[in-house]
């Protein structure tokens, strides 16, 4: 199988503590960044686009699929790690909780889905998507947390936040579909 898998985390979102996190949409900055990439022709070799079912990921995927005349396939099991036990957290509290999530992958942190379980879920779903994929490049639009867990798996490194994307989202890494090895770590989506 030739081609590459690009895993893209959605860019900036409109944070609203009154709305469930999976229902957050893209912010104006996130939309602008995605629109710029959609007009860049950098994804011309993409033949399939898969998205998490979370609104921010679907919005990103739809904007990128439109100029390619591709239909987005939603795969709900590619959702971000389940953090519903805590709901919205202030940025400082969230960062502390996320640090502990990566540091203790076999423990549930404040009721969050364990990192090891989230990794197993995203890996299983992405491998299934690769097996279902035909010729050309595959784009998966998802989230930074599970994206980092996926990268750790393909890079054969322990779960660690050291491999997390830069702040803000809208980053991607690339995997060779034939070898299933990373070609590079997270880069800004503008470098797609």
C-alpha atoms as a PDB file:
ATOM      1  CA  UNK A   1       0.000   0.000   0.000  1.00  0.00           C
ATOM      2  CA  UNK A   2       1.511   3.317  -1.040  1.00  0.00           C
ATOM      3  CA  UNK A   3       0.627   6.792   0.085  1.00  0.00           C
ATOM      4  CA  UNK A   4       0.507   8.526   3.420  1.00  0.00           C
ATOM      5  CA  UNK A   5      -1.849   8.969   6.312  1.00  0.00           C
ATOM      6  CA  UNK A   6      -2.086  12.519   7.574  1.00  0.00           C
ATOM      7  CA  UNK A   7      -3.546  12.870  11.033  1.00  0.00           C
ATOM      8  CA  UNK A   8      -4.780  16.443  11.553  1.00  0.00           C
ATOM      9  CA  UNK A   9      -6.015  17.871  14.830  1.00  0.00           C
ATOM     10  CA  UNK A  10      -8.807  20.406  14.495  1.00  0.00           C
ATOM     11  CA  UNK A  11      -7.625  24.020  14.915  1.00  0.00           C
ATOM     12  CA  UNK A  12      -8.831  26.606  17.454  1.00  0.00           C
ATOM     13  CA  UNK A  13     -12.368  26.286  18.802  1.00  0.00           C
ATOM     14  CA  UNK A  14     -14.980  28.595  20.269  1.00  0.00           C
ATOM     15  CA  UNK A  15     -14.790  27.737  23.974  1.00  0.00           C
ATOM     16  CA  UNK A  16     -18.159  27.852  25.708  1.00  0.00           C
ATOM     17  CA  UNK A  17     -18.401  26.429  29.245  1.00  0.00           C
ATOM     18  CA  UNK A  18     -22.203  26.153  28.811  1.00  0.00           C
ATOM     19  CA  UNK A  19     -21.820  23.769  25.836  1.00  0.00           C
ATOM     20  CA  UNK A  20     -20.562  20.179  26.005  1.00  0.00           C
ATOM     21  CA  UNK A  21     -16.991  20.031  24.689  1.00  0.00           C
ATOM     22  CA  UNK A  22     -17.836  17.597  21.812  1.00  0.00           C
ATOM     23  CA  UNK A  23     -20.328  20.216  20.557  1.00  0.00           C
ATOM     24  CA  UNK A  24     -17.842  23.103  20.380  1.00  0.00           C
ATOM     25  CA  UNK A  25     -17.364  24.495  16.889  1.00  0.00           C
ATOM     26  CA  UNK A  26     -14.403  26.165  15.256  1.00  0.00           C
ATOM     27  CA  UNK A  27     -13.527  29.730  16.204  1.00  0.00           C
ATOM     28  CA  UNK A  28     -13.027  32.411  13.555  1.00  0.00           C
ATOM     29  CA  UNK A  29      -9.265  31.733  13.682  1.00  0.00           C
ATOM     30  CA  UNK A  30      -9.822  27.989  13.324  1.00  0.00           C
ATOM     31  CA  UNK A  31     -12.125  28.517  10.344  1.00  0.00           C
ATOM     32  CA  UNK A  32      -9.714  30.940   8.699  1.00  0.00           C
ATOM     33  CA  UNK A  33      -6.780  28.555   9.061  1.00  0.00           C
ATOM     34  CA  UNK A  34      -8.805  25.666   7.643  1.00  0.00           C
ATOM     35  CA  UNK A  35     -10.087  27.742   4.714  1.00  0.00           C
ATOM     36  CA  UNK A  36      -6.521  28.744   3.833  1.00  0.00           C
ATOM     37  CA  UNK A  37      -5.410  25.120   3.751  1.00  0.00           C
ATOM     38  CA  UNK A  38      -8.478  24.078   1.749  1.00  0.00           C
ATOM     39  CA  UNK A  39      -7.479  26.493  -1.036  1.00  0.00           C
ATOM     40  CA  UNK A  40      -3.787  25.551  -1.020  1.00  0.00           C
ATOM     41  CA  UNK A  41      -4.065  22.381  -3.155  1.00  0.00           C
ATOM     42  CA  UNK A  42      -1.749  20.643  -0.658  1.00  0.00           C
ATOM     43  CA  UNK A  43      -4.163  17.728  -0.215  1.00  0.00           C
ATOM     44  CA  UNK A  44      -4.671  16.943  -3.916  1.00  0.00           C
ATOM     45  CA  UNK A  45      -3.459  13.350  -3.508  1.00  0.00           C
ATOM     46  CA  UNK A  46      -6.022  12.707  -0.750  1.00  0.00           C
ATOM     47  CA  UNK A  47      -8.629  10.142  -1.770  1.00  0.00           C
ATOM     48  CA  UNK A  48     -10.350   9.559   1.596  1.00  0.00           C
ATOM     49  CA  UNK A  49     -11.190  11.806   4.543  1.00  0.00           C
ATOM     50  CA  UNK A  50     -12.266  10.440   7.902  1.00  0.00           C
ATOM     51  CA  UNK A  51     -13.416  12.539  10.831  1.00  0.00           C
ATOM     52  CA  UNK A  52     -14.288  12.175  14.453  1.00  0.00           C
ATOM     53  CA  UNK A  53     -17.994  12.881  14.999  1.00  0.00           C
ATOM     54  CA  UNK A  54     -17.233  15.837  17.274  1.00  0.00           C
ATOM     55  CA  UNK A  55     -18.466  19.101  15.735  1.00  0.00           C
ATOM     56  CA  UNK A  56     -15.065  20.851  15.553  1.00  0.00           C
ATOM     57  CA  UNK A  57     -13.515  17.892  13.707  1.00  0.00           C
ATOM     58  CA  UNK A  58     -16.464  17.520  11.312  1.00  0.00           C
ATOM     59  CA  UNK A  59     -16.377  21.254  10.487  1.00  0.00           C
ATOM     60  CA  UNK A  60     -12.644  21.020   9.736  1.00  0.00           C
ATOM     61  CA  UNK A  61     -13.015  17.868   7.627  1.00  0.00           C
ATOM     62  CA  UNK A  62     -15.984  19.241   5.660  1.00  0.00           C
ATOM     63  CA  UNK A  63     -14.099  22.418   4.766  1.00  0.00           C
ATOM     64  CA  UNK A  64     -11.104  20.399   3.540  1.00  0.00           C
ATOM     65  CA  UNK A  65     -13.233  17.860   1.656  1.00  0.00           C
ATOM     66  CA  UNK A  66     -15.276  20.396  -0.307  1.00  0.00           C
ATOM     67  CA  UNK A  67     -12.625  21.473  -2.858  1.00  0.00           C
ATOM     68  CA  UNK A  68     -11.518  17.847  -3.267  1.00  0.00           C
ATOM     69  CA  UNK A  69     -15.126  16.769  -3.947  1.00  0.00           C
ATOM     70  CA  UNK A  70     -14.809  14.066  -1.307  1.00  0.00           C
ATOM     71  CA  UNK A  71     -17.396  12.856   1.172  1.00  0.00           C
ATOM     72  CA  UNK A  72     -16.290  12.810   4.797  1.00  0.00           C
ATOM     73  CA  UNK A  73     -16.701   9.491   6.568  1.00  0.00           C
ATOM     74  CA  UNK A  74     -17.407   9.966  10.267  1.00  0.00           C
ATOM     75  CA  UNK A  75     -15.941   7.356  12.583  1.00  0.00           C
ATOM     76  CA  UNK A  76     -17.270   8.047  16.091  1.00  0.00           C
ATOM     77  CA  UNK A  77     -14.610   5.895  17.799  1.00  0.00           C
ATOM     78  CA  UNK A  78     -11.948   8.446  16.811  1.00  0.00           C
ATOM     79  CA  UNK A  79     -13.325  10.927  19.377  1.00  0.00           C
ATOM     80  CA  UNK A  80     -11.092  12.732  21.852  1.00  0.00           C
ATOM     81  CA  UNK A  81     -10.330  11.048  25.165  1.00  0.00           C
ATOM     82  CA  UNK A  82     -13.500  10.990  27.248  1.00  0.00           C
ATOM     83  CA  UNK A  83     -13.278  13.842  29.744  1.00  0.00           C
ATOM     84  CA  UNK A  84     -16.995  14.090  30.487  1.00  0.00           C
ATOM     85  CA  UNK A  85     -16.469  13.202  34.166  1.00  0.00           C
ATOM     86  CA  UNK A  86     -15.022  16.652  34.811  1.00  0.00           C
ATOM     87  CA  UNK A  87     -16.827  18.697  32.169  1.00  0.00           C
ATOM     88  CA  UNK A  88     -15.332  22.094  31.378  1.00  0.00           C
ATOM     89  CA  UNK A  89     -12.117  22.892  33.248  1.00  0.00           C
ATOM     90  CA  UNK A  90     -10.357  26.240  33.449  1.00  0.00           C
ATOM     91  CA  UNK A  91      -7.181  26.291  31.320  1.00  0.00           C
ATOM     92  CA  UNK A  92      -4.802  25.879  34.291  1.00  0.00           C
ATOM     93  CA  UNK A  93      -6.767  22.990  35.782  1.00  0.00           C
ATOM     94  CA  UNK A  94      -7.140  21.379  32.358  1.00  0.00           C
ATOM     95  CA  UNK A  95      -3.378  21.504  31.697  1.00  0.00           C
ATOM     96  CA  UNK A  96      -2.615  19.963  35.092  1.00  0.00           C
ATOM     97  CA  UNK A  97      -5.175  17.204  34.510  1.00  0.00           C
ATOM     98  CA  UNK A  98      -3.865  16.550  30.992  1.00  0.00           C
ATOM     99  CA  UNK A  99      -0.314  16.287  32.340  1.00  0.00           C
ATOM    100  CA  UNK A 100      -1.445  13.644  34.832  1.00  0.00           C
ATOM    101  CA  UNK A 101      -3.434  11.853  32.074  1.00  0.00           C
ATOM    102  CA  UNK A 102      -0.222  11.348  30.075  1.00  0.00           C
ATOM    103  CA  UNK A 103       1.999  10.684  33.114  1.00  0.00           C
ATOM    104  CA  UNK A 104      -0.250   7.900  34.452  1.00  0.00           C
ATOM    105  CA  UNK A 105      -1.669   6.177  31.366  1.00  0.00           C
ATOM    106  CA  UNK A 106      -2.972   3.170  33.314  1.00  0.00           C
ATOM    107  CA  UNK A 107      -4.997   5.298  35.768  1.00  0.00           C
ATOM    108  CA  UNK A 108      -8.225   7.208  35.338  1.00  0.00           C
ATOM    109  CA  UNK A 109      -7.464  10.804  36.211  1.00  0.00           C
ATOM    110  CA  UNK A 110     -10.469  12.475  37.876  1.00  0.00           C
ATOM    111  CA  UNK A 111     -12.773  10.064  36.037  1.00  0.00           C
ATOM    112  CA  UNK A 112     -11.269  10.629  32.571  1.00  0.00           C
ATOM    113  CA  UNK A 113     -10.891   7.726  30.171  1.00  0.00           C
ATOM    114  CA  UNK A 114      -7.510   6.111  30.825  1.00  0.00           C
ATOM    115  CA  UNK A 115      -4.834   7.061  28.286  1.00  0.00           C
ATOM    116  CA  UNK A 116      -4.065   3.393  27.601  1.00  0.00           C
ATOM    117  CA  UNK A 117      -7.746   2.750  26.777  1.00  0.00           C
ATOM    118  CA  UNK A 118      -8.025   5.843  24.582  1.00  0.00           C
ATOM    119  CA  UNK A 119      -4.873   4.743  22.764  1.00  0.00           C
ATOM    120  CA  UNK A 120      -6.264   1.250  22.165  1.00  0.00           C
ATOM    121  CA  UNK A 121      -9.503   2.707  20.819  1.00  0.00           C
ATOM    122  CA  UNK A 122      -7.889   5.190  18.410  1.00  0.00           C
ATOM    123  CA  UNK A 123      -5.274   2.680  17.203  1.00  0.00           C
ATOM    124  CA  UNK A 124      -7.906   0.018  16.514  1.00  0.00           C
ATOM    125  CA  UNK A 125     -10.066   2.478  14.591  1.00  0.00           C
ATOM    126  CA  UNK A 126      -7.193   3.948  12.559  1.00  0.00           C
ATOM    127  CA  UNK A 127      -5.800   0.528  11.638  1.00  0.00           C
ATOM    128  CA  UNK A 128      -9.293  -0.455  10.501  1.00  0.00           C
ATOM    129  CA  UNK A 129      -9.472   2.734   8.418  1.00  0.00           C
ATOM    130  CA  UNK A 130      -6.087   1.967   6.849  1.00  0.00           C
ATOM    131  CA  UNK A 131      -7.235  -1.553   5.971  1.00  0.00           C
ATOM    132  CA  UNK A 132     -10.417  -0.155   4.384  1.00  0.00           C
ATOM    133  CA  UNK A 133      -8.486   2.508   2.441  1.00  0.00           C
ATOM    134  CA  UNK A 134      -7.731   2.111  -1.251  1.00  0.00           C
ATOM    135  CA  UNK A 135      -5.147   4.000  -3.286  1.00  0.00           C
ATOM    136  CA  UNK A 136      -3.968   7.524  -2.558  1.00  0.00           C
ATOM    137  CA  UNK A 137      -3.517   9.446   0.662  1.00  0.00           C
ATOM    138  CA  UNK A 138      -5.752   9.216   3.715  1.00  0.00           C
ATOM    139  CA  UNK A 139      -6.613  12.207   5.902  1.00  0.00           C
ATOM    140  CA  UNK A 140      -7.984  11.696   9.403  1.00  0.00           C
ATOM    141  CA  UNK A 141      -9.275  14.780  11.204  1.00  0.00           C
ATOM    142  CA  UNK A 142      -9.396  14.394  14.930  1.00  0.00           C
ATOM    143  CA  UNK A 143      -8.009  15.668  18.194  1.00  0.00           C
ATOM    144  CA  UNK A 144      -4.692  16.442  19.826  1.00  0.00           C
ATOM    145  CA  UNK A 145      -4.928  14.113  22.819  1.00  0.00           C
ATOM    146  CA  UNK A 146      -5.794  10.896  21.002  1.00  0.00           C
ATOM    147  CA  UNK A 147      -3.629  12.037  18.091  1.00  0.00           C
ATOM    148  CA  UNK A 148      -0.653  12.102  20.432  1.00  0.00           C
ATOM    149  CA  UNK A 149      -1.544   8.629  21.708  1.00  0.00           C
ATOM    150  CA  UNK A 150      -1.742   7.443  18.091  1.00  0.00           C
ATOM    151  CA  UNK A 151       1.621   9.005  17.261  1.00  0.00           C
ATOM    152  CA  UNK A 152       3.209   7.297  20.291  1.00  0.00           C
ATOM    153  CA  UNK A 153       1.897   3.945  19.074  1.00  0.00           C
ATOM    154  CA  UNK A 154       3.179   4.318  15.504  1.00  0.00           C
ATOM    155  CA  UNK A 155       6.517   5.729  16.726  1.00  0.00           C
ATOM    156  CA  UNK A 156       6.864   2.820  19.189  1.00  0.00           C
ATOM    157  CA  UNK A 157       7.452   5.152  22.128  1.00  0.00           C
ATOM    158  CA  UNK A 158       5.812   5.166  25.568  1.00  0.00           C
ATOM    159  CA  UNK A 159       2.769   7.365  26.111  1.00  0.00           C
ATOM    160  CA  UNK A 160       4.142  10.789  26.972  1.00  0.00           C
ATOM    161  CA  UNK A 161       3.025  14.371  26.668  1.00  0.00           C
ATOM    162  CA  UNK A 162       6.515  15.071  25.311  1.00  0.00           C
ATOM    163  CA  UNK A 163       5.022  13.969  21.967  1.00  0.00           C
ATOM    164  CA  UNK A 164       1.939  16.218  22.249  1.00  0.00           C
ATOM    165  CA  UNK A 165       1.102  18.804  19.616  1.00  0.00           C
ATOM    166  CA  UNK A 166       1.905  22.488  20.093  1.00  0.00           C
ATOM    167  CA  UNK A 167      -0.801  24.520  21.851  1.00  0.00           C
ATOM    168  CA  UNK A 168      -3.803  25.712  19.879  1.00  0.00           C
ATOM    169  CA  UNK A 169      -4.449  22.701  17.668  1.00  0.00           C
ATOM    170  CA  UNK A 170      -4.433  22.640  13.904  1.00  0.00           C
ATOM    171  CA  UNK A 171      -1.335  20.440  13.627  1.00  0.00           C
ATOM    172  CA  UNK A 172      -0.635  17.251  11.727  1.00  0.00           C
ATOM    173  CA  UNK A 173       1.776  14.370  11.517  1.00  0.00           C
ATOM    174  CA  UNK A 174       2.331  11.981   8.662  1.00  0.00           C
ATOM    175  CA  UNK A 175       2.555   8.164   8.626  1.00  0.00           C
ATOM    176  CA  UNK A 176       3.825   6.073   5.704  1.00  0.00           C
ATOM    177  CA  UNK A 177       0.951   3.730   4.830  1.00  0.00           C
ATOM    178  CA  UNK A 178       3.272   0.944   3.644  1.00  0.00           C
ATOM    179  CA  UNK A 179       5.531   0.816   6.710  1.00  0.00           C
ATOM    180  CA  UNK A 180       3.156   2.454   9.211  1.00  0.00           C
ATOM    181  CA  UNK A 181       6.083   4.468  10.551  1.00  0.00           C
ATOM    182  CA  UNK A 182       5.954   8.219  11.201  1.00  0.00           C
ATOM    183  CA  UNK A 183       7.468  10.424   8.517  1.00  0.00           C
ATOM    184  CA  UNK A 184       7.474  13.424  10.855  1.00  0.00           C
ATOM    185  CA  UNK A 185       6.116  14.668  14.167  1.00  0.00           C
ATOM    186  CA  UNK A 186       3.441  17.394  14.572  1.00  0.00           C
ATOM    187  CA  UNK A 187       3.717  20.370  12.205  1.00  0.00           C
ATOM    188  CA  UNK A 188       1.334  23.326  11.756  1.00  0.00           C
ATOM    189  CA  UNK A 189      -1.504  22.630   9.321  1.00  0.00           C
ATOM    190  CA  UNK A 190      -0.208  25.443   7.131  1.00  0.00           C
ATOM    191  CA  UNK A 191       2.643  23.083   6.189  1.00  0.00           C
ATOM    192  CA  UNK A 192       0.287  20.408   4.850  1.00  0.00           C
END
